[in-house]
């Protein structure tokens, strides 16, 4: 069984009203996704504009934006600044979504902050400055920005929830915007092509900003440049202005060289596994460099090194146990599954697929056929398990997607059973990979390590954890 320390999210004392507060937040999921800025702007105005109280780095993209946010926040914290970090979704606790210098918001601060945001909502509705109730994500954004102001952060690194142009985080006057990669995702909202999606992501750019871009495919890259250039936004591109050099890997993570417009680094150490993480770190470092120079401050190389070595970002090719090794990764697109397969092949170049197993579960809107195709060279056994969400893809559909790709297909009713069956199927010298969904990875961590006390389940509104009765 893995010997992980309890997550920071579990360390704060429970608050008697916390579960009720988060339940009220979760109930707002019934409002769905409502792209647009009018409601968040009205809510933040009622709160006296907390988003103007700190400088920020704004991060969007289809994949890697959470990793870039975590790495950039860690490097900024190493400089001595007080740094907020806003990410989504969470794995175990709602409080993971907003942190200051690596410490999640306390249950008491959630209760107090939500009360302020709810009072502001009521006032704005009465005055007519907003025309509808805020969604779950809009309220969470307001809560985070208000808390960052209360904590007097010097800076915040803020991850976009969905898209960019109409995302509720797009109220920031950030000097730096990061666009990681562009993939086909949420096409019903963002548009049917990579160019459409790229233009939505580039909606976070504004005059005076520097864009740090990890995308390299010609079509979306052209779309980003076509948004940036008329605004006078300078663009730093990965593989051009930002270049990752020699790279080596080890059990502890990886080491790589990096050149940015400001500095050349040799043998930077990053305690994260995976081919994509060197590129994510490169984007994060370049973004922090530009953020610092925009504020008239330097970024010493020593701070970059210490910040990288302090990065913690769970569920991203995370090693989880031994004999057989366990690996957790939240990959949920074909592109990220291919990168995951390449990374595991790099880490275990002599691994025999007959000795490995994959645990897989995903949401219904994901491209399960393509994801499982990308994962199929890794293992002969796949255990399909339902994700604990009303939007989960059923196990029958997952089984059909796995047919012809995995010789051995097992259906499990829950993640605890899936973990037991997959470990039994794998050889002691092989590995078990758990992937397909943030919900699935978070579920396994919760099953093995325990869930934070008094933490309501937030995988989906109205869907209870199997260990909880139907009363909640």
Protein backbone atom coordinates (compact mmCIF):
# COMPACT_ATOMS: atom_id res chain seq x y z
CA UNK A 1 0.00 0.00 0.00
CA UNK A 2 1.40 3.43 -0.87
CA UNK A 3 3.00 5.42 1.91
CA UNK A 4 1.85 8.91 1.05
CA UNK A 5 1.46 11.62 3.62
CA UNK A 6 -2.07 12.88 4.09
CA UNK A 7 -2.84 15.72 1.71
CA UNK A 8 -2.67 19.27 3.02
CA UNK A 9 -6.40 19.41 2.38
CA UNK A 10 -6.92 16.97 5.23
CA UNK A 11 -4.87 18.88 7.79
CA UNK A 12 -7.14 21.78 8.71
CA UNK A 13 -9.61 21.40 11.57
CA UNK A 14 -13.20 20.88 10.39
CA UNK A 15 -15.69 23.72 10.74
CA UNK A 16 -19.23 22.91 11.88
CA UNK A 17 -20.74 24.76 8.91
CA UNK A 18 -18.25 23.71 6.25
CA UNK A 19 -20.13 20.70 4.87
CA UNK A 20 -23.30 22.75 4.57
CA UNK A 21 -21.46 25.58 2.83
CA UNK A 22 -19.91 23.27 0.24
CA UNK A 23 -23.26 21.55 -0.26
CA UNK A 24 -24.76 24.94 -1.14
CA UNK A 25 -21.91 25.50 -3.59
CA UNK A 26 -22.42 22.06 -5.11
CA UNK A 27 -26.13 22.76 -5.57
CA UNK A 28 -25.15 25.56 -7.94
CA UNK A 29 -23.99 22.95 -10.43
CA UNK A 30 -27.62 22.67 -11.47
CA UNK A 31 -27.10 26.00 -13.26
CA UNK A 32 -24.62 24.27 -15.56
CA UNK A 33 -21.92 26.06 -17.57
CA UNK A 34 -22.91 29.60 -18.54
CA UNK A 35 -20.11 31.21 -20.61
CA UNK A 36 -20.05 34.99 -20.28
CA UNK A 37 -18.58 37.69 -18.07
CA UNK A 38 -21.57 39.82 -17.08
CA UNK A 39 -22.46 37.84 -13.94
CA UNK A 40 -18.93 37.47 -12.59
CA UNK A 41 -18.22 41.15 -13.29
CA UNK A 42 -21.33 42.20 -11.39
CA UNK A 43 -20.57 39.89 -8.49
CA UNK A 44 -16.96 41.07 -8.20
CA UNK A 45 -18.09 44.70 -8.38
CA UNK A 46 -20.43 44.04 -5.43
CA UNK A 47 -17.41 42.61 -3.56
CA UNK A 48 -15.45 45.80 -4.38
CA UNK A 49 -13.28 44.18 -7.04
CA UNK A 50 -11.00 41.75 -5.20
CA UNK A 51 -9.45 40.76 -8.56
CA UNK A 52 -7.73 44.17 -8.67
CA UNK A 53 -5.93 43.62 -5.36
CA UNK A 54 -3.15 41.40 -6.76
CA UNK A 55 -1.07 40.90 -9.90
CA UNK A 56 -1.48 37.62 -11.73
CA UNK A 57 -0.35 35.11 -14.32
CA UNK A 58 -3.33 33.77 -16.28
CA UNK A 59 -3.06 30.21 -17.65
CA UNK A 60 -5.23 28.47 -20.23
CA UNK A 61 -4.92 25.58 -22.66
CA UNK A 62 -6.39 22.16 -23.33
CA UNK A 63 -3.83 20.16 -21.34
CA UNK A 64 -1.03 21.02 -18.94
CA UNK A 65 -2.53 24.25 -17.63
CA UNK A 66 -2.85 22.88 -14.10
CA UNK A 67 0.78 21.73 -14.11
CA UNK A 68 1.97 25.09 -15.45
CA UNK A 69 -0.05 26.84 -12.75
CA UNK A 70 1.40 24.66 -9.98
CA UNK A 71 4.99 25.06 -11.20
CA UNK A 72 4.71 28.83 -11.74
CA UNK A 73 3.19 29.31 -8.29
CA UNK A 74 5.97 27.28 -6.68
CA UNK A 75 8.71 29.29 -8.44
CA UNK A 76 7.05 32.58 -7.53
CA UNK A 77 6.74 31.49 -3.90
CA UNK A 78 10.46 30.68 -3.86
CA UNK A 79 11.19 34.37 -4.52
CA UNK A 80 9.62 35.26 -1.16
CA UNK A 81 6.35 36.54 -2.61
CA UNK A 82 3.06 35.51 -1.04
CA UNK A 83 1.36 33.62 -3.88
CA UNK A 84 -2.20 32.46 -4.46
CA UNK A 85 -2.96 29.54 -6.73
CA UNK A 86 -6.34 28.82 -8.31
CA UNK A 87 -6.91 25.50 -10.12
CA UNK A 88 -9.70 23.10 -10.98
CA UNK A 89 -10.99 20.48 -10.58
CA UNK A 90 -9.87 18.99 -7.27
CA UNK A 91 -8.97 15.41 -6.35
CA UNK A 92 -9.96 15.05 -2.69
CA UNK A 93 -11.08 18.37 -1.25
CA UNK A 94 -12.82 21.42 -2.63
CA UNK A 95 -10.23 23.46 -0.72
CA UNK A 96 -7.47 22.27 -3.08
CA UNK A 97 -8.84 24.69 -5.68
CA UNK A 98 -7.42 27.74 -3.90
CA UNK A 99 -4.13 27.83 -2.01
CA UNK A 100 -1.70 30.42 -0.69
CA UNK A 101 1.94 29.31 -0.68
CA UNK A 102 0.86 25.69 -0.90
CA UNK A 103 -1.67 25.80 1.95
CA UNK A 104 -5.32 25.28 0.99
CA UNK A 105 -8.02 27.67 2.12
CA UNK A 106 -9.28 26.72 5.57
CA UNK A 107 -12.82 25.40 6.15
CA UNK A 108 -13.59 28.52 8.18
CA UNK A 109 -12.44 30.78 5.34
CA UNK A 110 -14.67 28.86 2.91
CA UNK A 111 -17.66 29.37 5.20
CA UNK A 112 -16.94 33.08 5.72
CA UNK A 113 -16.03 33.77 2.10
CA UNK A 114 -19.08 31.99 0.75
CA UNK A 115 -21.31 33.99 3.10
CA UNK A 116 -19.83 37.22 1.71
CA UNK A 117 -20.24 36.03 -1.88
CA UNK A 118 -23.84 34.95 -1.26
CA UNK A 119 -24.67 38.30 0.36
CA UNK A 120 -23.09 40.07 -2.62
CA UNK A 121 -25.14 37.91 -4.98
CA UNK A 122 -28.39 38.82 -3.24
CA UNK A 123 -27.51 42.53 -3.32
CA UNK A 124 -26.53 42.42 -7.01
CA UNK A 125 -29.74 40.60 -7.94
CA UNK A 126 -31.82 43.16 -6.03
CA UNK A 127 -30.06 46.04 -7.76
CA UNK A 128 -30.24 44.39 -11.15
CA UNK A 129 -26.48 44.47 -11.70
CA UNK A 130 -26.66 40.74 -12.37
CA UNK A 131 -29.61 38.99 -13.98
CA UNK A 132 -29.14 35.41 -12.77
CA UNK A 133 -27.65 33.35 -9.97
CA UNK A 134 -23.92 32.66 -10.33
CA UNK A 135 -22.89 29.16 -11.34
CA UNK A 136 -20.72 26.88 -9.19
CA UNK A 137 -17.57 28.00 -10.98
CA UNK A 138 -18.46 31.70 -10.94
CA UNK A 139 -19.07 31.57 -7.20
CA UNK A 140 -15.85 29.61 -6.68
CA UNK A 141 -13.91 32.20 -8.70
CA UNK A 142 -15.35 35.06 -6.62
CA UNK A 143 -14.61 33.18 -3.40
CA UNK A 144 -10.99 32.58 -4.45
CA UNK A 145 -10.29 36.16 -5.52
CA UNK A 146 -11.92 37.53 -2.37
CA UNK A 147 -9.81 35.20 -0.22
CA UNK A 148 -6.62 36.15 -2.03
CA UNK A 149 -7.35 39.79 -1.24
CA UNK A 150 -8.06 38.93 2.43
CA UNK A 151 -4.75 37.05 2.59
CA UNK A 152 -2.97 40.04 0.98
CA UNK A 153 -1.22 37.93 -1.65
CA UNK A 154 1.45 39.62 -3.72
CA UNK A 155 0.58 37.59 -6.79
CA UNK A 156 -1.71 34.83 -7.99
CA UNK A 157 -1.39 32.18 -10.68
CA UNK A 158 -4.89 31.54 -12.02
CA UNK A 159 -5.97 28.60 -14.18
CA UNK A 160 -8.86 29.10 -16.58
CA UNK A 161 -11.80 26.78 -16.02
CA UNK A 162 -13.04 26.40 -19.61
CA UNK A 163 -11.89 28.12 -22.78
CA UNK A 164 -10.70 31.61 -21.99
CA UNK A 165 -12.57 34.45 -23.66
CA UNK A 166 -15.81 33.92 -21.73
CA UNK A 167 -14.39 32.10 -18.70
CA UNK A 168 -15.19 33.69 -15.34
CA UNK A 169 -11.47 34.11 -14.59
CA UNK A 170 -11.12 36.44 -17.60
CA UNK A 171 -11.52 39.56 -15.47
CA UNK A 172 -7.84 39.80 -14.59
CA UNK A 173 -5.48 42.51 -15.82
CA UNK A 174 -2.60 40.06 -15.96
CA UNK A 175 0.78 41.05 -17.44
CA UNK A 176 1.39 37.46 -18.59
CA UNK A 177 -0.92 34.93 -20.22
CA UNK A 178 0.02 31.32 -20.87
CA UNK A 179 -1.59 29.14 -23.54
CA UNK A 180 -0.35 25.57 -23.20
CA UNK A 181 -1.78 23.32 -25.94
CA UNK A 182 -4.87 23.19 -28.13
CA UNK A 183 -6.92 20.00 -28.50
CA UNK A 184 -10.46 19.22 -29.59
CA UNK A 185 -12.46 19.61 -26.36
CA UNK A 186 -15.85 20.98 -25.36
CA UNK A 187 -16.57 21.55 -29.04
CA UNK A 188 -20.21 22.30 -28.28
CA UNK A 189 -19.05 25.41 -26.40
CA UNK A 190 -15.66 26.32 -27.84
CA UNK A 191 -16.22 25.46 -31.50
CA UNK A 192 -15.68 22.53 -33.88
CA UNK A 193 -12.06 23.04 -34.97
CA UNK A 194 -8.66 23.61 -33.43
CA UNK A 195 -8.68 27.15 -34.85
CA UNK A 196 -12.01 27.93 -33.15
CA UNK A 197 -10.76 26.58 -29.84
CA UNK A 198 -7.45 28.43 -30.16
CA UNK A 199 -9.28 31.73 -30.67
CA UNK A 200 -11.36 31.10 -27.54
CA UNK A 201 -8.22 30.31 -25.50
CA UNK A 202 -6.48 33.41 -26.88
CA UNK A 203 -9.38 35.45 -25.55
CA UNK A 204 -7.41 35.89 -22.32
CA UNK A 205 -4.90 38.10 -24.17
CA UNK A 206 -5.14 41.88 -23.93
CA UNK A 207 -2.95 44.88 -24.79
CA UNK A 208 0.21 45.13 -22.73
CA UNK A 209 0.37 41.41 -22.02
CA UNK A 210 3.09 38.94 -22.99
CA UNK A 211 1.81 35.56 -24.23
CA UNK A 212 3.79 32.41 -23.46
CA UNK A 213 2.59 29.73 -25.87
CA UNK A 214 3.27 25.99 -25.80
CA UNK A 215 1.17 25.06 -28.82
CA UNK A 216 3.21 24.09 -31.90
CA UNK A 217 0.63 22.86 -34.45
CA UNK A 218 0.45 25.37 -37.36
CA UNK A 219 -3.31 25.92 -37.52
CA UNK A 220 -4.05 26.78 -33.87
CA UNK A 221 -0.74 28.61 -33.58
CA UNK A 222 -1.71 30.86 -36.49
CA UNK A 223 -5.09 31.52 -34.84
CA UNK A 224 -3.38 32.54 -31.59
CA UNK A 225 -0.94 34.84 -33.41
CA UNK A 226 -3.83 36.43 -35.31
CA UNK A 227 -5.44 37.38 -31.99
CA UNK A 228 -2.19 38.46 -30.32
CA UNK A 229 -0.58 40.65 -32.97
CA UNK A 230 -3.41 43.22 -33.47
CA UNK A 231 -3.44 43.68 -29.68
CA UNK A 232 0.28 44.37 -29.60
CA UNK A 233 0.83 41.26 -27.49
CA UNK A 234 4.35 39.87 -27.79
CA UNK A 235 4.42 36.08 -28.10
CA UNK A 236 7.07 33.73 -26.78
CA UNK A 237 6.77 30.31 -28.44
CA UNK A 238 7.94 26.98 -27.08
CA UNK A 239 10.70 25.62 -29.41
CA UNK A 240 11.50 29.19 -30.58
CA UNK A 241 11.98 31.84 -27.88
CA UNK A 242 11.72 29.08 -25.26
CA UNK A 243 13.70 25.89 -25.89
CA UNK A 244 14.07 22.73 -23.81
CA UNK A 245 17.50 21.14 -24.31
CA UNK A 246 19.10 17.93 -23.09
CA UNK A 247 16.87 15.95 -20.77
CA UNK A 248 17.47 12.95 -18.50
CA UNK A 249 15.08 11.02 -16.28
CA UNK A 250 15.36 9.21 -12.98
CA UNK A 251 13.17 7.74 -10.24
CA UNK A 252 13.10 11.18 -8.61
CA UNK A 253 11.78 12.93 -11.74
CA UNK A 254 13.76 14.57 -14.54
CA UNK A 255 16.56 17.00 -15.32
CA UNK A 256 16.69 19.30 -18.34
CA UNK A 257 18.38 22.33 -19.87
CA UNK A 258 16.33 25.38 -20.76
CA UNK A 259 16.83 28.58 -22.75
CA UNK A 260 14.40 31.51 -22.39
CA UNK A 261 14.58 35.09 -23.68
CA UNK A 262 16.11 36.06 -20.33
CA UNK A 263 18.38 33.22 -19.27
CA UNK A 264 20.01 29.89 -20.09
CA UNK A 265 19.69 27.17 -17.43
CA UNK A 266 21.56 23.91 -17.16
CA UNK A 267 20.39 20.74 -15.41
CA UNK A 268 17.20 22.04 -13.85
CA UNK A 269 15.66 19.38 -11.59
CA UNK A 270 11.91 18.78 -11.58
CA UNK A 271 10.29 16.17 -9.29
CA UNK A 272 7.54 15.42 -11.84
CA UNK A 273 7.57 12.57 -14.33
CA UNK A 274 6.54 12.64 -17.96
CA UNK A 275 7.68 13.95 -21.32
CA UNK A 276 5.24 16.87 -21.23
CA UNK A 277 6.33 18.17 -17.83
CA UNK A 278 9.65 19.58 -19.02
CA UNK A 279 7.72 21.67 -21.54
CA UNK A 280 5.19 22.70 -18.90
CA UNK A 281 8.02 23.75 -16.60
CA UNK A 282 9.61 25.72 -19.43
CA UNK A 283 6.38 27.67 -19.99
CA UNK A 284 6.01 28.28 -16.26
CA UNK A 285 9.57 29.55 -15.82
CA UNK A 286 9.32 31.84 -18.84
CA UNK A 287 5.99 33.19 -17.54
CA UNK A 288 7.46 33.93 -14.11
CA UNK A 289 10.51 35.58 -15.68
CA UNK A 290 8.28 37.92 -17.68
CA UNK A 291 6.01 38.52 -14.69
CA UNK A 292 8.98 39.55 -12.57
CA UNK A 293 10.52 41.85 -15.17
CA UNK A 294 7.11 43.47 -15.80
CA UNK A 295 7.09 44.33 -12.10
CA UNK A 296 10.68 45.59 -12.10
CA UNK A 297 12.08 42.55 -10.27
CA UNK A 298 14.70 39.97 -11.15
CA UNK A 299 14.29 36.20 -10.99
CA UNK A 300 17.49 34.68 -9.58
CA UNK A 301 18.38 31.28 -10.96
CA UNK A 302 18.65 29.93 -7.42
CA UNK A 303 14.96 30.71 -6.84
CA UNK A 304 13.97 28.93 -10.05
CA UNK A 305 15.86 25.83 -8.90
CA UNK A 306 14.41 25.82 -5.39
CA UNK A 307 10.92 26.54 -6.70
CA UNK A 308 11.08 23.63 -9.15
CA UNK A 309 12.31 21.23 -6.49
CA UNK A 310 9.37 22.21 -4.24
CA UNK A 311 6.65 21.47 -6.81
CA UNK A 312 3.96 19.06 -5.70
CA UNK A 313 1.15 18.25 -8.14
CA UNK A 314 -0.79 15.07 -7.45
CA UNK A 315 -2.30 12.74 -10.00
CA UNK A 316 0.07 13.71 -12.80
CA UNK A 317 2.07 10.57 -13.55
CA UNK A 318 2.32 10.09 -9.81
CA UNK A 319 4.00 6.96 -8.53
CA UNK A 320 1.65 5.18 -6.14
CA UNK A 321 2.98 2.06 -4.48
CA UNK A 322 5.37 -0.75 -5.38
CA UNK A 323 5.34 -4.39 -6.49
CA UNK A 324 3.56 -3.80 -8.70
CA UNK A 325 4.24 -0.12 -9.17
CA UNK A 326 1.16 2.04 -9.35
CA UNK A 327 0.91 5.13 -11.55
CA UNK A 328 -1.86 7.72 -11.38
CA UNK A 329 -2.58 10.14 -14.20
CA UNK A 330 -5.62 12.29 -14.94
CA UNK A 331 -5.21 12.03 -18.74
CA UNK A 332 -8.66 12.14 -20.35
CA UNK A 333 -8.06 12.98 -24.01
CA UNK A 334 -6.46 10.89 -26.78
CA UNK A 335 -3.57 13.36 -27.04
CA UNK A 336 -2.80 13.23 -23.32
CA UNK A 337 -3.18 9.43 -23.33
CA UNK A 338 -0.58 9.18 -26.10
CA UNK A 339 1.81 11.40 -24.15
CA UNK A 340 1.17 9.29 -21.05
CA UNK A 341 1.95 6.08 -22.94
CA UNK A 342 5.18 7.60 -24.27
CA UNK A 343 6.20 8.71 -20.79
CA UNK A 344 5.57 5.29 -19.22
CA UNK A 345 7.49 3.63 -22.06
CA UNK A 346 10.35 6.03 -21.32
CA UNK A 347 10.25 5.30 -17.58
CA UNK A 348 9.89 1.52 -18.05
CA UNK A 349 11.52 0.81 -21.44
CA UNK A 350 11.74 -2.95 -20.79
CA UNK A 351 8.26 -3.39 -19.32
CA UNK A 352 6.40 -6.46 -20.55
CA UNK A 353 2.75 -5.58 -21.37
CA UNK A 354 1.74 -9.04 -20.14
CA UNK A 355 2.77 -8.01 -16.64
CA UNK A 356 0.88 -4.68 -16.58
CA UNK A 357 -2.73 -3.63 -16.06
CA UNK A 358 -4.69 -0.45 -16.77
CA UNK A 359 -7.63 0.78 -14.69
CA UNK A 360 -9.81 3.00 -16.84
CA UNK A 361 -12.93 5.09 -16.37
CA UNK A 362 -14.08 8.27 -18.08
CA UNK A 363 -16.97 10.63 -18.66
CA UNK A 364 -19.46 10.02 -21.44
CA UNK A 365 -18.30 12.94 -23.59
CA UNK A 366 -14.72 11.66 -23.78
CA UNK A 367 -13.33 9.73 -26.78
CA UNK A 368 -12.92 6.40 -25.02
CA UNK A 369 -12.09 4.44 -28.21
CA UNK A 370 -9.14 6.69 -29.03
CA UNK A 371 -7.91 6.90 -25.43
CA UNK A 372 -7.92 3.12 -25.00
CA UNK A 373 -6.21 2.71 -28.38
CA UNK A 374 -3.40 4.97 -27.15
CA UNK A 375 -3.08 2.99 -23.90
CA UNK A 376 -3.31 -0.49 -25.45
CA UNK A 377 0.45 -1.01 -26.04
CA UNK A 378 1.07 -0.65 -22.31
CA UNK A 379 -0.82 -3.65 -20.94
CA UNK A 380 -2.75 -6.78 -21.83
CA UNK A 381 -5.28 -6.34 -19.02
CA UNK A 382 -7.71 -3.45 -18.65
CA UNK A 383 -10.12 -3.06 -15.74
CA UNK A 384 -12.99 -0.74 -16.62
CA UNK A 385 -14.77 0.96 -13.75
CA UNK A 386 -17.57 3.52 -13.60
CA UNK A 387 -16.53 7.06 -12.72
CA UNK A 388 -18.57 8.39 -9.80
CA UNK A 389 -20.42 11.04 -11.78
CA UNK A 390 -23.84 11.46 -13.38
CA UNK A 391 -21.89 12.07 -16.62
CA UNK A 392 -19.96 8.79 -16.42
CA UNK A 393 -19.58 6.53 -19.43
CA UNK A 394 -21.19 3.17 -18.61
CA UNK A 395 -19.01 0.10 -18.22
CA UNK A 396 -20.72 -1.66 -21.13
CA UNK A 397 -19.63 1.09 -23.51
CA UNK A 398 -16.11 1.08 -22.07
CA UNK A 399 -15.93 -2.69 -22.44
CA UNK A 400 -16.91 -2.43 -26.11
CA UNK A 401 -14.26 0.27 -26.62
CA UNK A 402 -11.64 -2.03 -25.05
CA UNK A 403 -12.53 -5.05 -27.23
CA UNK A 404 -9.88 -5.77 -29.84
CA UNK A 405 -7.45 -3.51 -27.98
CA UNK A 406 -6.87 -5.41 -24.72
CA UNK A 407 -6.81 -9.24 -24.61
CA UNK A 408 -8.15 -9.30 -21.04
CA UNK A 409 -11.07 -7.06 -20.07
CA UNK A 410 -12.41 -6.97 -16.51
CA UNK A 411 -15.41 -4.97 -15.30
CA UNK A 412 -15.29 -3.69 -11.71
CA UNK A 413 -18.15 -2.04 -9.79
CA UNK A 414 -15.99 0.53 -7.99
CA UNK A 415 -12.42 1.80 -7.74
CA UNK A 416 -11.54 -0.19 -4.61
CA UNK A 417 -12.44 -3.44 -6.36
CA UNK A 418 -10.70 -2.32 -9.55
CA UNK A 419 -7.48 -1.56 -7.64
CA UNK A 420 -7.53 -4.99 -5.99
CA UNK A 421 -8.23 -6.85 -9.25
CA UNK A 422 -5.65 -4.92 -11.28
CA UNK A 423 -2.91 -5.47 -8.70
CA UNK A 424 -3.70 -9.18 -8.71
CA UNK A 425 -3.55 -9.27 -12.51
CA UNK A 426 -0.20 -7.44 -12.75
CA UNK A 427 3.16 -9.06 -12.11
CA UNK A 428 5.11 -7.81 -9.06
CA UNK A 429 7.68 -6.29 -11.44
CA UNK A 430 5.00 -4.76 -13.66
CA UNK A 431 2.77 -1.75 -13.09
CA UNK A 432 -0.86 -0.71 -12.68
CA UNK A 433 -1.89 2.51 -14.40
CA UNK A 434 -5.01 4.36 -13.20
CA UNK A 435 -6.24 6.93 -15.71
CA UNK A 436 -9.12 8.46 -17.64
CA UNK A 437 -10.55 10.99 -15.20
CA UNK A 438 -9.70 13.35 -12.34
CA UNK A 439 -12.65 11.81 -10.49
CA UNK A 440 -11.22 8.29 -10.84
CA UNK A 441 -7.74 9.26 -9.63
CA UNK A 442 -9.16 11.24 -6.72
CA UNK A 443 -11.38 8.31 -5.79
CA UNK A 444 -8.44 5.92 -5.58
CA UNK A 445 -6.37 8.32 -3.47
CA UNK A 446 -9.36 8.72 -1.15
CA UNK A 447 -9.88 4.96 -0.89
CA UNK A 448 -6.24 4.23 -0.08
CA UNK A 449 -5.27 7.26 2.01
CA UNK A 450 -8.64 8.22 3.46
CA UNK A 451 -10.77 11.25 2.73
CA UNK A 452 -10.36 14.56 4.56
CA UNK A 453 -12.62 14.79 7.57
CA UNK A 454 -15.97 16.53 7.00
CA UNK A 455 -15.25 16.86 3.28
CA UNK A 456 -18.43 16.50 1.21
CA UNK A 457 -18.15 14.52 -1.99
CA UNK A 458 -18.11 16.90 -4.95
CA UNK A 459 -17.55 14.56 -7.88
CA UNK A 460 -21.02 15.45 -9.09
CA UNK A 461 -24.11 16.92 -7.43
CA UNK A 462 -26.46 14.35 -6.04
CA UNK A 463 -24.05 11.42 -6.45
CA UNK A 464 -23.03 10.04 -3.08
CA UNK A 465 -19.80 8.25 -2.26
CA UNK A 466 -20.47 4.51 -1.90
CA UNK A 467 -19.48 4.63 1.79
CA UNK A 468 -22.00 7.40 2.47
CA UNK A 469 -25.65 6.43 2.74
CA UNK A 470 -28.35 7.94 0.61
CA UNK A 471 -29.20 10.50 3.30
CA UNK A 472 -26.84 13.21 2.04
